């Protein structure tokens, strides 16, 4: 069969080489693109809390304690169960807001929500539902999670991401005191087997974690136990190449990719960027070690940093008048500081949309939104933290 010339030496196929070509060109067979609408931004790539929130055009989904909730684009202050059945009291599994999945994660692509569950024979599979919580169906059997070399669906030996037309799975298994690590990629609607993008047989020193999608890239962090280094790697779907990008990388770093420039923020350090073609790195600014220490995340417009979180409250280092959310441009220039007083609760970054930023209160262990801000008001410096009721 035809070999794919541009594949990185790190790419390991599962099946024939033609399978890879079919997977990476599956758009021609299923009519979907890796990004759902090339004229719009898919905010699923910017979710800070993977698996517990999902972005769709008109509904913003939140998965908490086995139940699905939503906020409508036109009513950002109102939270509802994801159920449109008449006279439903939402108190048992007949409610479409209920979802009992061992993967404990939900993702959105197109007009569907995706999750991993067991089929009638207790084998792992990818499922989907529509945005009413109904129409649940098996999409793809995941034999890779049921093979002898991998732990299966009931184990914590894997995590996954769904983005656009792709499903990526991080596989980790301890066997005979040696870790096996793989990143597996497959098409959601493809009938073919997937491919291993990262992970080499017999190399237990290197592990690959923290799958992220940005634009036309898949990113992972390589942890090398042999020399103690961490490196951000990227797989380019256009060139079909895997390349090392940033050394001394920490999985807590947040980042975005805009027009071929990788921007990232390092907690307690500062803001950087790199031209991904030239590999030139620029440090734009340093963070204040007290006032700008907290949880940070990027979307396509801004960098957000919140110190109104449980960890910072426990440290007691942030003055009350400086407790809140800072919004910067991509290079770290402050656009607005939005106070979050203690009586308003905590503001952990939860979900970005074109119009809003949602926060949850990390003191109560729930991933339902409690606060939000309107992004359009940031440019005028008038954004406020508002309650979600």
Protein backbone atom coordinates (compact mmCIF):
# COMPACT_ATOMS: atom_id res chain seq x y z
CA UNK A 1 0.00 0.00 0.00
CA UNK A 2 1.01 3.60 -0.55
CA UNK A 3 3.18 5.12 2.14
CA UNK A 4 2.53 8.61 3.44
CA UNK A 5 5.81 10.43 2.83
CA UNK A 6 5.35 13.33 5.19
CA UNK A 7 4.62 11.41 8.35
CA UNK A 8 6.88 12.05 11.29
CA UNK A 9 9.12 9.29 12.59
CA UNK A 10 6.92 9.40 15.69
CA UNK A 11 3.81 8.33 13.82
CA UNK A 12 2.92 4.72 14.38
CA UNK A 13 0.09 3.27 12.31
CA UNK A 14 -2.55 0.85 13.52
CA UNK A 15 -3.13 -1.21 10.37
CA UNK A 16 -2.06 -0.35 6.86
CA UNK A 17 -0.60 2.99 5.87
CA UNK A 18 -3.59 3.64 3.66
CA UNK A 19 -5.73 3.77 6.82
CA UNK A 20 -3.86 6.89 7.87
CA UNK A 21 -4.47 8.55 4.54
CA UNK A 22 -8.14 7.74 4.75
CA UNK A 23 -8.37 9.09 8.29
CA UNK A 24 -6.67 12.37 7.57
CA UNK A 25 -8.80 12.90 4.46
CA UNK A 26 -12.03 11.65 5.97
CA UNK A 27 -13.63 15.03 5.30
CA UNK A 28 -14.12 14.07 1.68
CA UNK A 29 -16.09 10.98 2.69
CA UNK A 30 -18.17 12.29 5.59
CA UNK A 31 -18.65 15.90 4.55
CA UNK A 32 -17.32 17.39 7.79
CA UNK A 33 -14.32 19.57 8.51
CA UNK A 34 -11.97 19.36 11.47
CA UNK A 35 -13.43 22.69 12.52
CA UNK A 36 -17.20 22.70 12.26
CA UNK A 37 -17.52 26.06 10.46
CA UNK A 38 -14.41 27.61 8.99
CA UNK A 39 -15.99 31.07 9.18
CA UNK A 40 -16.57 30.79 12.94
CA UNK A 41 -14.41 29.96 15.92
CA UNK A 42 -14.99 26.61 17.58
CA UNK A 43 -14.65 27.48 21.26
CA UNK A 44 -14.37 23.82 22.23
CA UNK A 45 -10.64 24.24 21.62
CA UNK A 46 -10.41 26.80 24.44
CA UNK A 47 -12.23 24.95 27.24
CA UNK A 48 -10.17 25.22 30.47
CA UNK A 49 -12.05 22.35 32.18
CA UNK A 50 -12.10 19.47 29.70
CA UNK A 51 -15.02 17.08 29.77
CA UNK A 52 -17.25 19.11 32.07
CA UNK A 53 -18.26 21.87 29.64
CA UNK A 54 -19.04 21.94 25.92
CA UNK A 55 -19.67 24.76 23.48
CA UNK A 56 -22.38 24.81 20.80
CA UNK A 57 -23.65 27.80 18.86
CA UNK A 58 -26.78 28.41 20.92
CA UNK A 59 -26.44 26.20 24.02
CA UNK A 60 -23.56 26.05 26.47
CA UNK A 61 -23.44 22.63 28.14
CA UNK A 62 -22.25 21.77 31.66
CA UNK A 63 -21.79 18.21 32.98
CA UNK A 64 -21.95 17.91 36.75
CA UNK A 65 -22.55 14.87 38.98
CA UNK A 66 -24.03 12.77 36.20
CA UNK A 67 -26.43 15.44 34.97
CA UNK A 68 -26.35 17.79 31.98
CA UNK A 69 -27.26 21.46 32.28
CA UNK A 70 -27.31 24.29 29.80
CA UNK A 71 -27.22 28.05 29.53
CA UNK A 72 -28.80 29.57 26.44
CA UNK A 73 -26.95 32.17 24.42
CA UNK A 74 -29.83 34.62 24.86
CA UNK A 75 -30.16 33.97 28.62
CA UNK A 76 -26.63 33.77 30.07
CA UNK A 77 -27.85 34.24 33.64
CA UNK A 78 -30.18 31.22 33.64
CA UNK A 79 -29.13 27.57 34.17
CA UNK A 80 -31.49 24.75 33.16
CA UNK A 81 -31.38 20.91 33.03
CA UNK A 82 -30.77 19.70 29.48
CA UNK A 83 -34.30 18.34 29.19
CA UNK A 84 -37.18 19.55 27.05
CA UNK A 85 -39.71 16.89 28.03
CA UNK A 86 -43.06 18.18 29.19
CA UNK A 87 -43.86 17.62 32.88
CA UNK A 88 -40.43 16.11 33.66
CA UNK A 89 -39.30 16.65 37.25
CA UNK A 90 -35.66 15.79 36.37
CA UNK A 91 -35.40 13.46 39.40
CA UNK A 92 -34.66 10.12 37.73
CA UNK A 93 -32.92 8.58 34.73
CA UNK A 94 -35.97 8.99 32.47
CA UNK A 95 -34.92 12.63 32.28
CA UNK A 96 -32.72 13.35 29.26
CA UNK A 97 -30.46 15.50 31.46
CA UNK A 98 -29.20 12.36 33.18
CA UNK A 99 -26.03 10.77 31.83
CA UNK A 100 -24.32 7.87 33.56
CA UNK A 101 -21.03 7.39 31.74
CA UNK A 102 -17.87 5.85 33.23
CA UNK A 103 -15.77 8.28 31.22
CA UNK A 104 -17.26 11.19 33.21
CA UNK A 105 -16.69 13.48 30.20
CA UNK A 106 -18.79 15.14 27.52
CA UNK A 107 -17.70 16.93 24.33
CA UNK A 108 -19.49 18.79 21.55
CA UNK A 109 -18.96 18.60 17.79
CA UNK A 110 -21.43 19.96 15.30
CA UNK A 111 -24.94 19.59 16.69
CA UNK A 112 -24.14 16.60 18.91
CA UNK A 113 -22.65 15.75 22.28
CA UNK A 114 -20.16 12.86 22.49
CA UNK A 115 -19.19 10.57 25.34
CA UNK A 116 -17.67 7.12 25.90
CA UNK A 117 -19.79 4.34 27.38
CA UNK A 118 -20.14 0.56 27.34
CA UNK A 119 -22.31 -1.15 24.72
CA UNK A 120 -24.74 -4.00 25.42
CA UNK A 121 -21.80 -6.44 25.53
CA UNK A 122 -19.91 -4.22 28.00
CA UNK A 123 -17.41 -3.17 25.33
CA UNK A 124 -16.28 0.47 25.13
CA UNK A 125 -17.69 2.66 22.39
CA UNK A 126 -18.12 6.30 21.42
CA UNK A 127 -21.72 7.49 21.70
CA UNK A 128 -23.50 10.68 20.79
CA UNK A 129 -26.75 12.45 21.58
CA UNK A 130 -28.50 15.46 20.16
CA UNK A 131 -28.67 18.79 21.95
CA UNK A 132 -31.95 17.90 23.62
CA UNK A 133 -30.25 15.03 25.45
CA UNK A 134 -32.09 12.49 23.27
CA UNK A 135 -31.31 10.51 20.13
CA UNK A 136 -28.54 8.61 21.87
CA UNK A 137 -26.71 6.21 19.58
CA UNK A 138 -23.51 4.24 19.25
CA UNK A 139 -21.14 5.93 16.82
CA UNK A 140 -17.98 3.87 16.91
CA UNK A 141 -16.74 0.79 18.75
CA UNK A 142 -13.44 1.44 20.50
CA UNK A 143 -11.69 -1.90 20.37
CA UNK A 144 -8.45 -0.14 21.26
CA UNK A 145 -9.79 0.25 24.82
CA UNK A 146 -10.72 -3.41 25.07
CA UNK A 147 -7.57 -5.07 23.80
CA UNK A 148 -5.38 -7.10 26.10
CA UNK A 149 -2.68 -4.43 26.11
CA UNK A 150 -5.02 -1.65 27.30
CA UNK A 151 -7.06 -1.35 30.47
CA UNK A 152 -10.64 -1.09 29.23
CA UNK A 153 -13.42 1.34 29.93
CA UNK A 154 -13.77 0.72 33.67
CA UNK A 155 -10.16 1.73 34.31
CA UNK A 156 -8.65 5.16 34.75
CA UNK A 157 -5.97 4.25 32.20
CA UNK A 158 -7.13 6.66 29.54
CA UNK A 159 -8.53 10.12 28.88
CA UNK A 160 -9.89 11.50 25.64
CA UNK A 161 -10.84 14.56 23.61
CA UNK A 162 -13.40 15.01 20.84
CA UNK A 163 -12.88 17.94 18.53
CA UNK A 164 -14.36 18.56 15.10
CA UNK A 165 -14.18 15.28 13.20
CA UNK A 166 -11.63 13.65 15.50
CA UNK A 167 -11.43 11.53 18.63
CA UNK A 168 -8.03 11.50 20.39
CA UNK A 169 -7.31 9.12 23.26
CA UNK A 170 -4.45 9.28 25.74
CA UNK A 171 -3.63 5.69 26.69
CA UNK A 172 -1.57 4.93 29.78
CA UNK A 173 -1.07 1.52 31.32
CA UNK A 174 1.30 0.14 33.94
CA UNK A 175 2.39 -3.36 32.96
CA UNK A 176 5.10 -5.29 34.79
CA UNK A 177 6.45 -2.10 36.40
CA UNK A 178 6.72 -0.37 33.02
CA UNK A 179 4.43 2.32 31.65
CA UNK A 180 3.05 2.12 28.12
CA UNK A 181 2.05 5.48 26.61
CA UNK A 182 0.26 6.22 23.34
CA UNK A 183 -1.77 8.97 21.71
CA UNK A 184 -4.42 7.38 19.50
CA UNK A 185 -6.32 9.35 16.84
CA UNK A 186 -9.36 8.25 14.88
CA UNK A 187 -12.15 9.86 12.88
CA UNK A 188 -15.51 10.08 14.63
CA UNK A 189 -17.45 8.74 11.64
CA UNK A 190 -14.62 6.87 9.97
CA UNK A 191 -15.09 3.10 9.66
CA UNK A 192 -11.34 2.57 9.59
CA UNK A 193 -9.00 1.95 12.48
CA UNK A 194 -7.09 4.90 13.86
CA UNK A 195 -3.41 5.69 14.17
CA UNK A 196 -0.85 6.21 16.92
CA UNK A 197 0.54 9.73 16.60
CA UNK A 198 2.89 9.60 19.58
CA UNK A 199 4.47 6.81 21.58
CA UNK A 200 7.05 4.26 20.50
CA UNK A 201 7.11 0.58 21.37
CA UNK A 202 9.54 -0.22 24.14
CA UNK A 203 10.13 3.41 25.12
CA UNK A 204 8.75 3.60 28.65
CA UNK A 205 10.75 6.73 29.52
CA UNK A 206 8.51 9.03 27.49
CA UNK A 207 4.88 9.69 28.25
CA UNK A 208 2.43 11.87 26.36
CA UNK A 209 -0.28 13.75 28.20
CA UNK A 210 -2.58 16.78 28.06
CA UNK A 211 -4.11 16.49 24.56
CA UNK A 212 -5.14 19.87 23.18
CA UNK A 213 -6.50 20.93 19.79
CA UNK A 214 -5.82 24.40 18.40
CA UNK A 215 -6.68 25.43 14.85
CA UNK A 216 -5.20 22.71 12.62
CA UNK A 217 -2.92 21.27 15.30
CA UNK A 218 -3.00 18.58 17.96
CA UNK A 219 -0.69 19.30 20.92
CA UNK A 220 0.63 17.03 23.66
CA UNK A 221 3.19 17.34 26.42
CA UNK A 222 6.08 14.87 26.27
CA UNK A 223 7.45 13.97 29.70
CA UNK A 224 10.88 12.34 29.46
CA UNK A 225 11.67 10.48 32.67
CA UNK A 226 15.21 9.72 31.48
CA UNK A 227 16.39 13.34 31.50
CA UNK A 228 13.57 14.99 33.46
CA UNK A 229 12.47 17.26 30.61
CA UNK A 230 9.02 18.31 29.44
CA UNK A 231 8.45 19.41 25.85
CA UNK A 232 5.38 20.70 24.03
CA UNK A 233 4.92 18.78 20.78
CA UNK A 234 2.53 19.63 17.98
CA UNK A 235 1.09 17.51 15.20
CA UNK A 236 0.20 19.53 12.11
CA UNK A 237 -2.77 18.01 10.25
CA UNK A 238 -1.85 19.86 7.06
CA UNK A 239 1.77 18.71 6.78
CA UNK A 240 1.19 15.46 8.70
CA UNK A 241 4.29 16.14 10.79
CA UNK A 242 4.92 15.97 14.53
CA UNK A 243 7.43 18.59 15.73
CA UNK A 244 8.89 19.66 19.09
CA UNK A 245 7.96 23.26 19.88
CA UNK A 246 8.73 24.48 23.41
CA UNK A 247 11.16 22.98 25.93
CA UNK A 248 10.77 23.26 29.70
CA UNK A 249 7.02 23.11 29.22
CA UNK A 250 4.58 22.73 32.10
CA UNK A 251 1.12 21.23 31.61
CA UNK A 252 -0.32 24.09 33.68
CA UNK A 253 0.73 26.54 30.93
CA UNK A 254 -2.20 27.91 28.98
CA UNK A 255 -1.86 28.75 25.30
CA UNK A 256 -3.55 29.77 22.08
CA UNK A 257 -2.55 29.77 18.41
CA UNK A 258 -3.42 32.76 16.22
CA UNK A 259 -2.13 33.24 12.65
CA UNK A 260 0.80 30.89 13.11
CA UNK A 261 1.88 32.42 16.43
CA UNK A 262 1.83 30.34 19.61
CA UNK A 263 1.08 32.46 22.71
CA UNK A 264 1.41 31.02 26.19
CA UNK A 265 1.40 32.10 29.82
CA UNK A 266 3.48 30.55 32.60
CA UNK A 267 2.13 30.76 36.14
CA UNK A 268 4.38 32.88 38.31
CA UNK A 269 6.54 33.84 35.33
CA UNK A 270 5.05 35.70 32.37
CA UNK A 271 3.72 35.75 28.82
CA UNK A 272 5.56 34.38 25.78
CA UNK A 273 5.03 33.87 22.07
CA UNK A 274 6.71 31.91 19.31
CA UNK A 275 6.52 32.06 15.54
CA UNK A 276 5.78 28.38 14.88
CA UNK A 277 7.59 28.41 11.56
CA UNK A 278 10.72 30.32 12.59
CA UNK A 279 10.74 28.92 16.18
CA UNK A 280 11.67 32.36 17.51
CA UNK A 281 10.54 32.98 21.11
CA UNK A 282 9.64 36.36 22.61
CA UNK A 283 8.93 37.11 26.26
CA UNK A 284 6.38 39.93 26.33
CA UNK A 285 6.16 40.60 30.06
CA UNK A 286 6.64 39.21 33.55
CA UNK A 287 3.83 38.57 36.02
CA UNK A 288 3.64 40.20 39.43
CA UNK A 289 4.49 37.29 41.77
CA UNK A 290 1.56 38.09 44.11
CA UNK A 291 -1.22 39.93 42.29
CA UNK A 292 -0.86 37.97 39.04
CA UNK A 293 -0.55 34.51 40.50
CA UNK A 294 -3.55 32.25 39.93
CA UNK A 295 -5.35 30.24 37.25
CA UNK A 296 -5.06 31.44 33.65
CA UNK A 297 -6.52 30.52 30.26
CA UNK A 298 -6.60 31.85 26.69
CA UNK A 299 -9.33 32.05 24.11
CA UNK A 300 -8.97 33.60 20.65
CA UNK A 301 -9.23 37.19 21.92
CA UNK A 302 -7.87 37.44 25.43
CA UNK A 303 -5.77 35.97 28.20
CA UNK A 304 -7.68 35.68 31.49
CA UNK A 305 -6.14 35.31 34.94
CA UNK A 306 -8.15 34.82 38.11
CA UNK A 307 -6.81 34.94 41.65
CA UNK A 308 -10.35 34.61 43.07
CA UNK A 309 -9.87 30.89 43.65
CA UNK A 310 -9.64 28.61 46.64
CA UNK A 311 -5.87 28.11 46.49
CA UNK A 312 -5.10 31.83 46.46
CA UNK A 313 -7.60 32.48 49.25
CA UNK A 314 -5.84 29.85 51.36
CA UNK A 315 -2.50 31.61 50.78
CA UNK A 316 -3.88 34.92 52.01
CA UNK A 317 -1.41 36.92 49.91
CA UNK A 318 -3.82 38.86 47.66
CA UNK A 319 -5.27 42.07 49.15
CA UNK A 320 -9.08 42.14 49.13
CA UNK A 321 -9.17 45.06 46.68
CA UNK A 322 -6.97 43.12 44.20
CA UNK A 323 -9.03 39.91 44.29
CA UNK A 324 -10.64 39.30 40.91
CA UNK A 325 -10.18 38.58 37.21
CA UNK A 326 -7.59 40.27 35.00
CA UNK A 327 -8.19 40.35 31.25
CA UNK A 328 -5.19 40.89 28.95
CA UNK A 329 -4.63 40.93 25.22
CA UNK A 330 -2.73 37.98 23.77
CA UNK A 331 0.65 39.55 24.60
CA UNK A 332 -0.24 40.22 28.23
CA UNK A 333 -1.21 43.90 28.10
CA UNK A 334 -3.87 44.48 30.75
CA UNK A 335 -7.26 45.43 29.30
CA UNK A 336 -9.36 45.40 32.48
CA UNK A 337 -9.30 44.29 36.09
CA UNK A 338 -12.70 43.06 37.31
CA UNK A 339 -13.02 42.80 41.11
CA UNK A 340 -14.57 39.67 42.64
CA UNK A 341 -15.26 40.32 46.33
CA UNK A 342 -15.45 37.38 48.73
CA UNK A 343 -19.23 37.69 49.05
CA UNK A 344 -19.58 37.05 45.31
CA UNK A 345 -17.84 33.68 45.66
CA UNK A 346 -14.95 32.26 43.68
CA UNK A 347 -14.34 32.64 39.96
CA UNK A 348 -12.59 29.62 38.43
CA UNK A 349 -12.46 29.81 34.62
CA UNK A 350 -14.94 27.34 33.15
CA UNK A 351 -16.04 28.13 29.56
CA UNK A 352 -15.43 30.71 26.84
CA UNK A 353 -17.95 31.60 24.13
CA UNK A 354 -18.00 34.40 21.52
CA UNK A 355 -20.03 36.57 23.93
CA UNK A 356 -19.34 35.39 27.47
CA UNK A 357 -16.88 33.93 29.95
CA UNK A 358 -18.37 31.57 32.55
CA UNK A 359 -16.91 30.79 35.96
CA UNK A 360 -17.65 28.20 38.63
CA UNK A 361 -17.09 28.35 42.38
CA UNK A 362 -14.29 25.90 43.20
CA UNK A 363 -15.26 25.80 46.86
CA UNK A 364 -18.31 23.58 46.34
CA UNK A 365 -16.91 20.96 43.95
CA UNK A 366 -19.51 21.74 41.26
CA UNK A 367 -18.81 22.53 37.62
CA UNK A 368 -22.06 24.38 37.10
CA UNK A 369 -21.54 28.07 36.31
CA UNK A 370 -22.12 30.58 39.08
CA UNK A 371 -20.74 33.77 37.50
CA UNK A 372 -20.19 35.21 34.03
CA UNK A 373 -18.96 38.32 32.25
CA UNK A 374 -19.82 39.89 28.91
CA UNK A 375 -16.76 40.02 26.65
CA UNK A 376 -17.97 42.94 24.57
CA UNK A 377 -17.70 45.18 27.63
CA UNK A 378 -13.98 44.44 28.13
CA UNK A 379 -12.86 46.74 25.32
CA UNK A 380 -14.53 49.70 27.05
CA UNK A 381 -13.34 48.63 30.48
CA UNK A 382 -16.90 48.19 31.77
CA UNK A 383 -17.16 44.40 32.11
CA UNK A 384 -18.68 43.18 35.37
CA UNK A 385 -18.89 39.83 37.12
CA UNK A 386 -22.58 38.85 36.99
CA UNK A 387 -24.43 35.99 38.73
CA UNK A 388 -25.81 32.88 37.04
CA UNK A 389 -29.04 32.02 38.84
